[in-house]
Amino acid sequence: MTILRKLLPAPLSSVAVLALWLVLARSTSPGQVLLGLALAVGVPRLTASFRPTSVRVQRPFVVVRFILTVGRDVLLSNVEVAWGLLTWRWHKPRSRFVTVPLELRDPLGLAALAMVTTVVPGTVWSELALARSALLLHVWDVQDESVFVARFKARYEKPLREIFE
């Protein structure tokens, strides 16, 4: 088992690198698979020192549910922002900065939260308080700030706390 752990220090990363390589190469020819396998073994080993701590997934179903939630939100937000761009002359978006109080303190959880806010159209991570107690977001269109904060915390922060803390 230790030989396998040395060869593949981050097995999920290795699988992700291989899958990403094959998707980018748009081929599953033997040469591409071999090159992908070499990258899948090499990249995680070369980047092992970049990972601050190892993460043990305690609740894999929460991770799956979170990924599906983020994927759904990305699709819906794309449609909402596109519609907002098409109708901006009649309906001006209510863009504003929103402060979200945070309970999440884990650095990896905060990194995941930063990635989520980056990929969901209509939100931009603007600032994190030094004490990691609040997050400042710029939001494309906010009807009710308190509703937005409650939804953000329930959809993103709560599952990340379950995963990382």
N, C-alpha and C. Protein backbone atom coordinates (compact mmCIF):
# COMPACT_ATOMS: atom_id res chain seq x y z
N MET A 1 0.82 -1.20 0.00
CA MET A 1 0.00 0.00 0.00
C MET A 1 0.86 1.26 0.00
N THR A 2 1.98 1.27 0.69
CA THR A 2 2.83 2.46 0.73
C THR A 2 3.47 2.73 -0.62
N ILE A 3 3.75 1.69 -1.39
CA ILE A 3 4.31 1.90 -2.73
C ILE A 3 3.27 2.59 -3.61
N LEU A 4 2.02 2.13 -3.50
CA LEU A 4 0.95 2.75 -4.27
C LEU A 4 0.75 4.20 -3.84
N ARG A 5 0.84 4.47 -2.55
CA ARG A 5 0.68 5.84 -2.04
C ARG A 5 1.81 6.74 -2.52
N LYS A 6 3.04 6.19 -2.61
CA LYS A 6 4.16 6.98 -3.13
C LYS A 6 3.99 7.25 -4.62
N LEU A 7 3.51 6.25 -5.34
CA LEU A 7 3.30 6.39 -6.78
C LEU A 7 2.17 7.37 -7.08
N LEU A 8 1.09 7.27 -6.32
CA LEU A 8 -0.07 8.12 -6.52
C LEU A 8 -0.43 8.81 -5.19
N PRO A 9 0.23 9.91 -4.85
CA PRO A 9 -0.04 10.57 -3.58
C PRO A 9 -1.44 11.17 -3.49
N ALA A 10 -2.02 11.47 -4.62
CA ALA A 10 -3.38 12.04 -4.67
C ALA A 10 -4.14 11.33 -5.78
N PRO A 11 -4.70 10.15 -5.48
CA PRO A 11 -5.35 9.35 -6.54
C PRO A 11 -6.47 10.08 -7.27
N LEU A 12 -7.27 10.85 -6.55
CA LEU A 12 -8.35 11.58 -7.23
C LEU A 12 -7.80 12.64 -8.17
N SER A 13 -6.71 13.27 -7.77
CA SER A 13 -6.07 14.24 -8.67
C SER A 13 -5.53 13.54 -9.90
N SER A 14 -4.96 12.36 -9.72
CA SER A 14 -4.44 11.60 -10.85
C SER A 14 -5.56 11.25 -11.84
N VAL A 15 -6.68 10.81 -11.30
CA VAL A 15 -7.82 10.49 -12.16
C VAL A 15 -8.30 11.75 -12.89
N ALA A 16 -8.35 12.87 -12.17
CA ALA A 16 -8.79 14.12 -12.78
C ALA A 16 -7.83 14.58 -13.87
N VAL A 17 -6.52 14.46 -13.63
CA VAL A 17 -5.53 14.86 -14.65
C VAL A 17 -5.67 13.99 -15.89
N LEU A 18 -5.81 12.68 -15.69
CA LEU A 18 -5.97 11.77 -16.83
C LEU A 18 -7.24 12.12 -17.62
N ALA A 19 -8.35 12.30 -16.92
CA ALA A 19 -9.61 12.62 -17.60
C ALA A 19 -9.50 13.95 -18.34
N LEU A 20 -8.93 14.95 -17.69
CA LEU A 20 -8.77 16.26 -18.32
C LEU A 20 -7.89 16.17 -19.56
N TRP A 21 -6.81 15.42 -19.46
CA TRP A 21 -5.92 15.26 -20.61
C TRP A 21 -6.66 14.63 -21.79
N LEU A 22 -7.40 13.58 -21.52
CA LEU A 22 -8.10 12.89 -22.60
C LEU A 22 -9.18 13.77 -23.21
N VAL A 23 -9.84 14.57 -22.38
CA VAL A 23 -10.86 15.49 -22.91
C VAL A 23 -10.19 16.56 -23.77
N LEU A 24 -9.10 17.14 -23.27
CA LEU A 24 -8.41 18.18 -24.03
C LEU A 24 -7.80 17.64 -25.33
N ALA A 25 -7.29 16.41 -25.27
CA ALA A 25 -6.69 15.80 -26.46
C ALA A 25 -7.76 15.34 -27.44
N ARG A 26 -8.98 15.18 -26.96
CA ARG A 26 -10.10 14.68 -27.77
C ARG A 26 -9.76 13.39 -28.49
N SER A 27 -9.02 12.54 -27.74
CA SER A 27 -8.62 11.26 -28.31
C SER A 27 -8.34 10.28 -27.19
N THR A 28 -8.66 9.02 -27.44
CA THR A 28 -8.31 7.96 -26.50
C THR A 28 -7.37 6.96 -27.19
N SER A 29 -6.58 7.48 -28.10
CA SER A 29 -5.61 6.60 -28.77
C SER A 29 -4.59 6.12 -27.73
N PRO A 30 -3.93 5.00 -28.00
CA PRO A 30 -2.97 4.48 -27.03
C PRO A 30 -1.89 5.49 -26.64
N GLY A 31 -1.43 6.28 -27.59
CA GLY A 31 -0.40 7.28 -27.28
C GLY A 31 -0.92 8.35 -26.33
N GLN A 32 -2.14 8.82 -26.57
CA GLN A 32 -2.72 9.84 -25.69
C GLN A 32 -3.00 9.28 -24.30
N VAL A 33 -3.46 8.03 -24.25
CA VAL A 33 -3.71 7.41 -22.93
C VAL A 33 -2.39 7.26 -22.17
N LEU A 34 -1.33 6.83 -22.85
CA LEU A 34 -0.02 6.70 -22.18
C LEU A 34 0.51 8.04 -21.71
N LEU A 35 0.39 9.05 -22.56
CA LEU A 35 0.82 10.39 -22.15
C LEU A 35 -0.02 10.90 -20.98
N GLY A 36 -1.32 10.65 -21.04
CA GLY A 36 -2.20 11.04 -19.94
C GLY A 36 -1.86 10.33 -18.65
N LEU A 37 -1.53 9.03 -18.74
CA LEU A 37 -1.13 8.28 -17.55
C LEU A 37 0.18 8.82 -16.97
N ALA A 38 1.11 9.18 -17.84
CA ALA A 38 2.38 9.75 -17.36
C ALA A 38 2.12 11.07 -16.63
N LEU A 39 1.25 11.89 -17.19
CA LEU A 39 0.90 13.15 -16.53
C LEU A 39 0.14 12.89 -15.22
N ALA A 40 -0.74 11.89 -15.25
CA ALA A 40 -1.54 11.58 -14.06
C ALA A 40 -0.68 11.09 -12.91
N VAL A 41 0.44 10.45 -13.22
CA VAL A 41 1.37 10.01 -12.17
C VAL A 41 2.31 11.15 -11.80
N GLY A 42 2.79 11.88 -12.79
CA GLY A 42 3.82 12.89 -12.54
C GLY A 42 3.32 14.18 -11.91
N VAL A 43 2.22 14.72 -12.40
CA VAL A 43 1.75 16.03 -11.92
C VAL A 43 1.44 16.01 -10.42
N PRO A 44 0.65 15.06 -9.92
CA PRO A 44 0.39 15.06 -8.47
C PRO A 44 1.66 14.87 -7.63
N ARG A 45 2.61 14.09 -8.14
CA ARG A 45 3.86 13.91 -7.38
C ARG A 45 4.66 15.21 -7.36
N LEU A 46 4.70 15.92 -8.49
CA LEU A 46 5.43 17.18 -8.55
C LEU A 46 4.77 18.30 -7.74
N THR A 47 3.47 18.22 -7.58
CA THR A 47 2.76 19.28 -6.87
C THR A 47 2.38 18.88 -5.44
N ALA A 48 2.91 17.78 -4.96
CA ALA A 48 2.56 17.31 -3.61
C ALA A 48 2.89 18.33 -2.54
N SER A 49 3.97 19.07 -2.70
CA SER A 49 4.35 20.06 -1.68
C SER A 49 3.42 21.27 -1.68
N PHE A 50 2.62 21.45 -2.72
CA PHE A 50 1.69 22.58 -2.78
C PHE A 50 0.44 22.34 -1.93
N ARG A 51 0.13 21.08 -1.67
CA ARG A 51 -1.06 20.76 -0.90
C ARG A 51 -0.75 20.93 0.58
N PRO A 52 -1.43 21.88 1.25
CA PRO A 52 -1.10 22.16 2.64
C PRO A 52 -1.44 21.01 3.59
N THR A 53 -2.55 20.37 3.39
CA THR A 53 -2.94 19.25 4.24
C THR A 53 -3.66 18.23 3.38
N SER A 54 -3.71 17.03 3.86
CA SER A 54 -4.49 16.04 3.13
C SER A 54 -5.94 16.17 3.56
N VAL A 55 -6.82 15.94 2.64
CA VAL A 55 -8.24 16.08 2.91
C VAL A 55 -8.87 14.69 2.90
N ARG A 56 -9.57 14.38 3.95
CA ARG A 56 -10.33 13.14 4.00
C ARG A 56 -11.79 13.50 3.84
N VAL A 57 -12.39 12.94 2.83
CA VAL A 57 -13.80 13.23 2.57
C VAL A 57 -14.63 12.36 3.51
N GLN A 58 -15.28 13.04 4.46
CA GLN A 58 -16.10 12.33 5.45
C GLN A 58 -17.50 12.04 4.91
N ARG A 59 -17.97 12.90 4.04
CA ARG A 59 -19.33 12.79 3.53
C ARG A 59 -19.34 12.89 2.01
N PRO A 60 -19.07 11.80 1.32
CA PRO A 60 -18.99 11.88 -0.15
C PRO A 60 -20.31 12.29 -0.80
N PHE A 61 -21.44 11.96 -0.18
CA PHE A 61 -22.71 12.36 -0.79
C PHE A 61 -22.93 13.87 -0.71
N VAL A 62 -22.38 14.50 0.32
CA VAL A 62 -22.46 15.96 0.42
C VAL A 62 -21.63 16.58 -0.71
N VAL A 63 -20.48 15.98 -1.00
CA VAL A 63 -19.63 16.47 -2.09
C VAL A 63 -20.37 16.36 -3.42
N VAL A 64 -20.98 15.22 -3.67
CA VAL A 64 -21.72 15.01 -4.92
C VAL A 64 -22.88 16.00 -5.02
N ARG A 65 -23.64 16.16 -3.94
CA ARG A 65 -24.76 17.09 -3.93
C ARG A 65 -24.28 18.54 -4.15
N PHE A 66 -23.14 18.88 -3.55
CA PHE A 66 -22.58 20.22 -3.70
C PHE A 66 -22.17 20.47 -5.16
N ILE A 67 -21.50 19.51 -5.76
CA ILE A 67 -21.09 19.65 -7.17
C ILE A 67 -22.30 19.81 -8.08
N LEU A 68 -23.35 19.03 -7.83
CA LEU A 68 -24.57 19.15 -8.64
C LEU A 68 -25.24 20.51 -8.43
N THR A 69 -25.24 20.99 -7.19
CA THR A 69 -25.82 22.31 -6.89
C THR A 69 -25.07 23.41 -7.63
N VAL A 70 -23.74 23.35 -7.56
CA VAL A 70 -22.93 24.37 -8.23
C VAL A 70 -23.14 24.30 -9.75
N GLY A 71 -23.16 23.10 -10.30
CA GLY A 71 -23.39 22.94 -11.73
C GLY A 71 -24.73 23.52 -12.16
N ARG A 72 -25.76 23.25 -11.38
CA ARG A 72 -27.10 23.80 -11.67
C ARG A 72 -27.07 25.32 -11.58
N ASP A 73 -26.43 25.84 -10.54
CA ASP A 73 -26.37 27.29 -10.37
C ASP A 73 -25.59 27.97 -11.50
N VAL A 74 -24.55 27.32 -11.99
CA VAL A 74 -23.78 27.88 -13.12
C VAL A 74 -24.68 27.99 -14.35
N LEU A 75 -25.42 26.93 -14.63
CA LEU A 75 -26.31 26.96 -15.80
C LEU A 75 -27.39 28.03 -15.66
N LEU A 76 -28.06 28.06 -14.50
CA LEU A 76 -29.13 29.03 -14.31
C LEU A 76 -28.60 30.46 -14.30
N SER A 77 -27.44 30.68 -13.68
CA SER A 77 -26.87 32.02 -13.64
C SER A 77 -26.45 32.50 -15.02
N ASN A 78 -25.96 31.60 -15.86
CA ASN A 78 -25.64 31.98 -17.24
C ASN A 78 -26.88 32.50 -17.95
N VAL A 79 -27.98 31.81 -17.78
CA VAL A 79 -29.23 32.22 -18.41
C VAL A 79 -29.69 33.56 -17.84
N GLU A 80 -29.63 33.71 -16.50
CA GLU A 80 -30.08 34.96 -15.87
C GLU A 80 -29.23 36.16 -16.31
N VAL A 81 -27.91 35.98 -16.33
CA VAL A 81 -27.04 37.09 -16.74
C VAL A 81 -27.24 37.40 -18.22
N ALA A 82 -27.35 36.38 -19.06
CA ALA A 82 -27.59 36.62 -20.49
C ALA A 82 -28.91 37.37 -20.68
N TRP A 83 -29.96 36.95 -19.98
CA TRP A 83 -31.25 37.62 -20.08
C TRP A 83 -31.15 39.06 -19.58
N GLY A 84 -30.38 39.24 -18.50
CA GLY A 84 -30.17 40.59 -17.97
C GLY A 84 -29.46 41.49 -18.96
N LEU A 85 -28.52 40.94 -19.72
CA LEU A 85 -27.81 41.72 -20.73
C LEU A 85 -28.73 42.08 -21.90
N LEU A 86 -29.62 41.15 -22.25
CA LEU A 86 -30.53 41.41 -23.36
C LEU A 86 -31.62 42.42 -22.99
N THR A 87 -32.00 42.46 -21.73
CA THR A 87 -33.12 43.32 -21.31
C THR A 87 -32.67 44.49 -20.43
N TRP A 88 -31.41 44.83 -20.44
CA TRP A 88 -30.90 45.86 -19.52
C TRP A 88 -31.53 47.23 -19.75
N ARG A 89 -32.01 47.50 -20.95
CA ARG A 89 -32.62 48.81 -21.21
C ARG A 89 -33.95 48.96 -20.49
N TRP A 90 -34.66 47.85 -20.30
CA TRP A 90 -35.98 47.88 -19.66
C TRP A 90 -35.90 47.52 -18.17
N HIS A 91 -34.93 46.70 -17.84
CA HIS A 91 -34.79 46.26 -16.44
C HIS A 91 -33.32 46.37 -16.05
N LYS A 92 -32.99 47.46 -15.39
CA LYS A 92 -31.59 47.66 -14.97
C LYS A 92 -31.28 46.70 -13.82
N PRO A 93 -30.15 45.99 -13.91
CA PRO A 93 -29.79 45.10 -12.80
C PRO A 93 -29.43 45.93 -11.56
N ARG A 94 -29.75 45.39 -10.40
CA ARG A 94 -29.42 46.06 -9.14
C ARG A 94 -28.10 45.50 -8.61
N SER A 95 -27.02 45.89 -9.27
CA SER A 95 -25.69 45.43 -8.86
C SER A 95 -25.28 46.11 -7.58
N ARG A 96 -24.64 45.35 -6.71
CA ARG A 96 -24.15 45.94 -5.47
C ARG A 96 -23.15 45.01 -4.81
N PHE A 97 -22.43 45.58 -3.87
CA PHE A 97 -21.54 44.79 -3.04
C PHE A 97 -22.35 44.25 -1.86
N VAL A 98 -22.15 42.97 -1.58
CA VAL A 98 -22.87 42.31 -0.49
C VAL A 98 -21.85 41.70 0.46
N THR A 99 -22.02 41.95 1.74
CA THR A 99 -21.15 41.35 2.75
C THR A 99 -21.83 40.10 3.29
N VAL A 100 -21.11 38.99 3.21
CA VAL A 100 -21.63 37.71 3.68
C VAL A 100 -20.83 37.32 4.93
N PRO A 101 -21.45 37.27 6.10
CA PRO A 101 -20.73 36.81 7.29
C PRO A 101 -20.41 35.32 7.14
N LEU A 102 -19.19 34.95 7.49
CA LEU A 102 -18.74 33.56 7.30
C LEU A 102 -18.53 32.84 8.62
N GLU A 103 -18.91 31.57 8.62
CA GLU A 103 -18.58 30.67 9.72
C GLU A 103 -17.47 29.72 9.27
N LEU A 104 -17.33 29.54 7.97
CA LEU A 104 -16.31 28.67 7.38
C LEU A 104 -14.93 29.30 7.60
N ARG A 105 -14.01 28.54 8.19
CA ARG A 105 -12.67 29.06 8.45
C ARG A 105 -11.56 28.23 7.79
N ASP A 106 -11.88 27.01 7.39
CA ASP A 106 -10.89 26.12 6.81
C ASP A 106 -10.33 26.71 5.52
N PRO A 107 -8.99 26.78 5.37
CA PRO A 107 -8.41 27.40 4.16
C PRO A 107 -8.81 26.68 2.87
N LEU A 108 -8.90 25.36 2.91
CA LEU A 108 -9.30 24.63 1.70
C LEU A 108 -10.77 24.86 1.38
N GLY A 109 -11.59 24.95 2.41
CA GLY A 109 -13.00 25.26 2.21
C GLY A 109 -13.19 26.66 1.64
N LEU A 110 -12.39 27.61 2.14
CA LEU A 110 -12.46 28.98 1.61
C LEU A 110 -11.97 29.03 0.17
N ALA A 111 -10.96 28.23 -0.15
CA ALA A 111 -10.48 28.17 -1.54
C ALA A 111 -11.58 27.61 -2.45
N ALA A 112 -12.28 26.58 -1.98
CA ALA A 112 -13.38 26.02 -2.76
C ALA A 112 -14.49 27.05 -2.93
N LEU A 113 -14.78 27.80 -1.87
CA LEU A 113 -15.80 28.84 -1.95
C LEU A 113 -15.39 29.92 -2.95
N ALA A 114 -14.12 30.27 -2.96
CA ALA A 114 -13.62 31.26 -3.93
C ALA A 114 -13.80 30.75 -5.36
N MET A 115 -13.52 29.47 -5.58
CA MET A 115 -13.69 28.92 -6.93
C MET A 115 -15.15 28.92 -7.34
N VAL A 116 -16.02 28.58 -6.41
CA VAL A 116 -17.45 28.55 -6.72
C VAL A 116 -17.93 29.93 -7.12
N THR A 117 -17.57 30.95 -6.35
CA THR A 117 -18.03 32.30 -6.67
C THR A 117 -17.42 32.80 -7.97
N THR A 118 -16.29 32.25 -8.35
CA THR A 118 -15.67 32.63 -9.61
C THR A 118 -16.38 32.01 -10.81
N VAL A 119 -16.82 30.77 -10.68
CA VAL A 119 -17.43 30.09 -11.83
C VAL A 119 -18.92 30.39 -11.98
N VAL A 120 -19.57 30.85 -10.92
CA VAL A 120 -20.99 31.17 -11.03
C VAL A 120 -21.12 32.59 -11.58
N PRO A 121 -21.66 32.75 -12.79
CA PRO A 121 -21.81 34.09 -13.37
C PRO A 121 -22.68 34.97 -12.49
N GLY A 122 -22.30 36.23 -12.42
CA GLY A 122 -23.07 37.19 -11.65
C GLY A 122 -22.52 37.45 -10.27
N THR A 123 -21.50 36.69 -9.84
CA THR A 123 -20.87 36.94 -8.55
C THR A 123 -19.36 37.04 -8.73
N VAL A 124 -18.76 37.95 -7.99
CA VAL A 124 -17.31 38.11 -8.02
C VAL A 124 -16.83 38.23 -6.58
N TRP A 125 -15.87 37.39 -6.20
CA TRP A 125 -15.25 37.44 -4.88
C TRP A 125 -14.39 38.69 -4.85
N SER A 126 -14.70 39.63 -3.98
CA SER A 126 -13.98 40.90 -3.96
C SER A 126 -12.99 41.00 -2.81
N GLU A 127 -13.37 40.52 -1.63
CA GLU A 127 -12.48 40.67 -0.48
C GLU A 127 -12.87 39.69 0.62
N LEU A 128 -11.86 39.23 1.34
CA LEU A 128 -12.07 38.38 2.51
C LEU A 128 -11.50 39.13 3.71
N ALA A 129 -12.29 39.24 4.77
CA ALA A 129 -11.81 39.93 5.96
C ALA A 129 -10.60 39.20 6.52
N LEU A 130 -9.69 39.96 7.14
CA LEU A 130 -8.46 39.36 7.69
C LEU A 130 -8.76 38.23 8.66
N ALA A 131 -9.80 38.35 9.42
CA ALA A 131 -10.16 37.32 10.39
C ALA A 131 -10.97 36.19 9.76
N ARG A 132 -11.15 36.25 8.45
CA ARG A 132 -11.95 35.27 7.70
C ARG A 132 -13.38 35.22 8.21
N SER A 133 -13.86 36.33 8.70
CA SER A 133 -15.19 36.37 9.29
C SER A 133 -16.26 36.89 8.34
N ALA A 134 -15.84 37.48 7.23
CA ALA A 134 -16.80 38.03 6.28
C ALA A 134 -16.20 38.04 4.88
N LEU A 135 -17.08 37.94 3.93
CA LEU A 135 -16.71 37.92 2.52
C LEU A 135 -17.45 39.05 1.83
N LEU A 136 -16.75 39.79 1.01
CA LEU A 136 -17.38 40.85 0.22
C LEU A 136 -17.51 40.36 -1.21
N LEU A 137 -18.74 40.30 -1.70
CA LEU A 137 -19.02 39.86 -3.06
C LEU A 137 -19.63 41.02 -3.84
N HIS A 138 -19.30 41.07 -5.13
CA HIS A 138 -20.05 41.95 -6.01
C HIS A 138 -21.03 41.06 -6.75
N VAL A 139 -22.30 41.44 -6.70
CA VAL A 139 -23.36 40.61 -7.27
C VAL A 139 -24.05 41.40 -8.38
N TRP A 140 -24.28 40.74 -9.49
CA TRP A 140 -24.86 41.33 -10.69
C TRP A 140 -26.24 41.92 -10.44
N ASP A 141 -27.13 41.16 -9.83
CA ASP A 141 -28.50 41.64 -9.63
C ASP A 141 -29.01 41.08 -8.31
N VAL A 142 -29.23 41.97 -7.35
CA VAL A 142 -29.69 41.55 -6.01
C VAL A 142 -31.04 42.21 -5.74
N GLN A 143 -32.06 41.40 -5.57
CA GLN A 143 -33.38 41.92 -5.22
C GLN A 143 -33.42 42.27 -3.73
N ASP A 144 -33.06 41.29 -2.89
CA ASP A 144 -33.10 41.46 -1.44
C ASP A 144 -31.78 40.90 -0.88
N GLU A 145 -30.98 41.77 -0.29
CA GLU A 145 -29.65 41.39 0.18
C GLU A 145 -29.71 40.27 1.23
N SER A 146 -30.64 40.35 2.16
CA SER A 146 -30.72 39.33 3.21
C SER A 146 -31.11 37.96 2.64
N VAL A 147 -31.97 37.95 1.64
CA VAL A 147 -32.35 36.69 0.98
C VAL A 147 -31.14 36.12 0.24
N PHE A 148 -30.38 36.99 -0.44
CA PHE A 148 -29.19 36.53 -1.15
C PHE A 148 -28.18 35.91 -0.18
N VAL A 149 -27.93 36.59 0.94
CA VAL A 149 -26.95 36.10 1.92
C VAL A 149 -27.40 34.75 2.48
N ALA A 150 -28.67 34.63 2.83
CA ALA A 150 -29.18 33.36 3.38
C ALA A 150 -29.05 32.24 2.36
N ARG A 151 -29.37 32.53 1.12
CA ARG A 151 -29.27 31.51 0.05
C ARG A 151 -27.81 31.12 -0.19
N PHE A 152 -26.91 32.10 -0.23
CA PHE A 152 -25.49 31.85 -0.45
C PHE A 152 -24.93 30.95 0.65
N LYS A 153 -25.27 31.27 1.88
CA LYS A 153 -24.77 30.49 3.02
C LYS A 153 -25.32 29.06 2.99
N ALA A 154 -26.61 28.92 2.66
CA ALA A 154 -27.23 27.59 2.65
C ALA A 154 -26.71 26.74 1.49
N ARG A 155 -26.53 27.34 0.32
CA ARG A 155 -26.16 26.57 -0.87
C ARG A 155 -24.66 26.28 -0.95
N TYR A 156 -23.83 27.19 -0.43
CA TYR A 156 -22.39 27.04 -0.60
C TYR A 156 -21.63 26.87 0.72
N GLU A 157 -21.84 27.76 1.66
CA GLU A 157 -21.04 27.69 2.89
C GLU A 157 -21.39 26.47 3.74
N LYS A 158 -22.66 26.19 3.94
CA LYS A 158 -23.06 25.07 4.79
C LYS A 158 -22.49 23.73 4.29
N PRO A 159 -22.65 23.40 3.00
CA PRO A 159 -22.07 22.12 2.55
C PRO A 159 -20.54 22.09 2.65
N LEU A 160 -19.89 23.23 2.39
CA LEU A 160 -18.43 23.25 2.50
C LEU A 160 -17.98 23.07 3.95
N ARG A 161 -18.76 23.58 4.89
CA ARG A 161 -18.44 23.33 6.30
C ARG A 161 -18.58 21.84 6.62
N GLU A 162 -19.61 21.21 6.08
CA GLU A 162 -19.81 19.77 6.30
C GLU A 162 -18.65 18.96 5.70
N ILE A 163 -18.14 19.41 4.57
CA ILE A 163 -17.08 18.69 3.88
C ILE A 163 -15.73 18.91 4.55
N PHE A 164 -15.41 20.15 4.91
CA PHE A 164 -14.06 20.49 5.35
C PHE A 164 -13.89 20.64 6.87
N GLU A 165 -14.97 20.81 7.62
CA GLU A 165 -14.78 21.05 9.06
C GLU A 165 -15.37 19.94 9.90
